[in-house]
């Protein structure tokens, strides 16, 4: 998977870094928006991209959706390599 193709902004990378750095964390889009200082709408779009590529997984509760980093070891390695090779 070519992560560069869809991680095309600093905010995309920041959201991915959040999940990568805190792999046990389960967070809402609102929580990530607060953490990044970004609009919830922007974060929701980024989460959809990461979810579509299976980099994050969904935890659905009664009233909200939360997201966490994948448990797929192959994807974890790809993300690790991405950050090691990233110039930012």
C-alpha atoms as a PDB file:
ATOM      1  CA  UNK A   1       0.000   0.000   0.000  1.00  0.00           C
ATOM      2  CA  UNK A   2       1.320   3.423  -0.887  1.00  0.00           C
ATOM      3  CA  UNK A   3       0.474   5.505   2.160  1.00  0.00           C
ATOM      4  CA  UNK A   4       1.847   8.648   0.506  1.00  0.00           C
ATOM      5  CA  UNK A   5      -1.096   8.627  -1.928  1.00  0.00           C
ATOM      6  CA  UNK A   6      -3.753   9.209   0.694  1.00  0.00           C
ATOM      7  CA  UNK A   7      -1.765  10.750   3.536  1.00  0.00           C
ATOM      8  CA  UNK A   8      -1.358  13.913   1.543  1.00  0.00           C
ATOM      9  CA  UNK A   9      -1.617  16.592   4.261  1.00  0.00           C
ATOM     10  CA  UNK A  10       0.050  17.271   7.585  1.00  0.00           C
ATOM     11  CA  UNK A  11      -3.295  16.750   9.276  1.00  0.00           C
ATOM     12  CA  UNK A  12      -3.663  13.281   7.706  1.00  0.00           C
ATOM     13  CA  UNK A  13      -0.227  12.402   9.035  1.00  0.00           C
ATOM     14  CA  UNK A  14      -0.969  13.885  12.450  1.00  0.00           C
ATOM     15  CA  UNK A  15      -4.138  11.810  12.836  1.00  0.00           C
ATOM     16  CA  UNK A  16      -2.325   8.656  11.751  1.00  0.00           C
ATOM     17  CA  UNK A  17       0.545   9.471  14.120  1.00  0.00           C
ATOM     18  CA  UNK A  18      -1.946   9.755  16.969  1.00  0.00           C
ATOM     19  CA  UNK A  19      -3.210   6.225  16.392  1.00  0.00           C
ATOM     20  CA  UNK A  20       0.283   4.859  15.750  1.00  0.00           C
ATOM     21  CA  UNK A  21       1.775   6.439  18.875  1.00  0.00           C
ATOM     22  CA  UNK A  22      -1.157   5.395  21.076  1.00  0.00           C
ATOM     23  CA  UNK A  23      -2.157   1.997  19.657  1.00  0.00           C
ATOM     24  CA  UNK A  24      -4.307   1.081  22.665  1.00  0.00           C
ATOM     25  CA  UNK A  25      -6.290   4.307  22.555  1.00  0.00           C
ATOM     26  CA  UNK A  26      -9.905   4.254  21.408  1.00  0.00           C
ATOM     27  CA  UNK A  27     -11.050   7.753  20.478  1.00  0.00           C
ATOM     28  CA  UNK A  28     -13.967   9.621  18.941  1.00  0.00           C
ATOM     29  CA  UNK A  29     -13.624  11.995  15.998  1.00  0.00           C
ATOM     30  CA  UNK A  30     -14.528  14.802  18.409  1.00  0.00           C
ATOM     31  CA  UNK A  31     -11.673  13.831  20.722  1.00  0.00           C
ATOM     32  CA  UNK A  32      -9.180  13.743  17.866  1.00  0.00           C
ATOM     33  CA  UNK A  33     -10.462  17.096  16.611  1.00  0.00           C
ATOM     34  CA  UNK A  34      -9.890  18.566  20.050  1.00  0.00           C
ATOM     35  CA  UNK A  35      -6.404  17.038  20.265  1.00  0.00           C
ATOM     36  CA  UNK A  36      -5.399  18.342  16.830  1.00  0.00           C
ATOM     37  CA  UNK A  37      -7.187  21.676  17.106  1.00  0.00           C
ATOM     38  CA  UNK A  38      -9.052  20.922  13.872  1.00  0.00           C
ATOM     39  CA  UNK A  39     -12.680  20.920  12.834  1.00  0.00           C
ATOM     40  CA  UNK A  40     -14.579  17.707  13.495  1.00  0.00           C
ATOM     41  CA  UNK A  41     -15.687  17.606   9.852  1.00  0.00           C
ATOM     42  CA  UNK A  42     -12.068  17.502   8.647  1.00  0.00           C
ATOM     43  CA  UNK A  43     -11.203  14.761  11.124  1.00  0.00           C
ATOM     44  CA  UNK A  44     -14.238  12.707  10.113  1.00  0.00           C
ATOM     45  CA  UNK A  45     -13.099  12.807   6.470  1.00  0.00           C
ATOM     46  CA  UNK A  46      -9.596  11.675   7.428  1.00  0.00           C
ATOM     47  CA  UNK A  47     -10.981   8.911   9.638  1.00  0.00           C
ATOM     48  CA  UNK A  48     -13.073   7.652   6.708  1.00  0.00           C
ATOM     49  CA  UNK A  49      -9.921   7.408   4.590  1.00  0.00           C
ATOM     50  CA  UNK A  50      -7.956   5.588   7.295  1.00  0.00           C
ATOM     51  CA  UNK A  51     -10.895   3.275   7.989  1.00  0.00           C
ATOM     52  CA  UNK A  52     -11.382   2.502   4.297  1.00  0.00           C
ATOM     53  CA  UNK A  53      -7.721   1.445   4.113  1.00  0.00           C
ATOM     54  CA  UNK A  54      -8.154  -0.628   7.316  1.00  0.00           C
ATOM     55  CA  UNK A  55      -5.479   1.347   9.172  1.00  0.00           C
ATOM     56  CA  UNK A  56      -7.971   2.068  11.911  1.00  0.00           C
ATOM     57  CA  UNK A  57     -10.869  -0.009  13.155  1.00  0.00           C
ATOM     58  CA  UNK A  58     -14.281   1.041  14.401  1.00  0.00           C
ATOM     59  CA  UNK A  59     -15.711   0.432  17.871  1.00  0.00           C
ATOM     60  CA  UNK A  60     -19.410   1.195  17.870  1.00  0.00           C
ATOM     61  CA  UNK A  61     -21.160   1.895  21.145  1.00  0.00           C
ATOM     62  CA  UNK A  62     -24.790   2.646  21.824  1.00  0.00           C
ATOM     63  CA  UNK A  63     -24.519   6.327  21.057  1.00  0.00           C
ATOM     64  CA  UNK A  64     -21.142   6.945  19.434  1.00  0.00           C
ATOM     65  CA  UNK A  65     -18.462   5.558  17.183  1.00  0.00           C
ATOM     66  CA  UNK A  66     -14.884   5.343  18.350  1.00  0.00           C
ATOM     67  CA  UNK A  67     -11.779   4.362  16.436  1.00  0.00           C
ATOM     68  CA  UNK A  68      -8.512   2.622  17.238  1.00  0.00           C
ATOM     69  CA  UNK A  69      -5.337   1.600  15.447  1.00  0.00           C
ATOM     70  CA  UNK A  70      -5.359  -1.640  13.488  1.00  0.00           C
ATOM     71  CA  UNK A  71      -4.114  -4.907  14.958  1.00  0.00           C
ATOM     72  CA  UNK A  72      -2.964  -6.108  11.525  1.00  0.00           C
ATOM     73  CA  UNK A  73       0.789  -6.597  11.866  1.00  0.00           C
ATOM     74  CA  UNK A  74       1.437  -6.075   8.160  1.00  0.00           C
ATOM     75  CA  UNK A  75      -0.304  -2.687   8.209  1.00  0.00           C
ATOM     76  CA  UNK A  76       1.444  -1.729  11.434  1.00  0.00           C
ATOM     77  CA  UNK A  77       4.807  -2.426   9.780  1.00  0.00           C
ATOM     78  CA  UNK A  78       3.814  -0.342   6.747  1.00  0.00           C
ATOM     79  CA  UNK A  79       2.875   2.598   8.962  1.00  0.00           C
ATOM     80  CA  UNK A  80       6.101   2.204  10.926  1.00  0.00           C
ATOM     81  CA  UNK A  81       8.117   2.233   7.704  1.00  0.00           C
ATOM     82  CA  UNK A  82       6.142   5.233   6.464  1.00  0.00           C
ATOM     83  CA  UNK A  83       7.071   7.279   9.528  1.00  0.00           C
ATOM     84  CA  UNK A  84      10.688   6.146   9.469  1.00  0.00           C
ATOM     85  CA  UNK A  85      10.996   7.246   5.837  1.00  0.00           C
ATOM     86  CA  UNK A  86       8.879  10.371   6.118  1.00  0.00           C
ATOM     87  CA  UNK A  87      10.632  13.698   5.787  1.00  0.00           C
ATOM     88  CA  UNK A  88       8.153  15.441   8.127  1.00  0.00           C
END
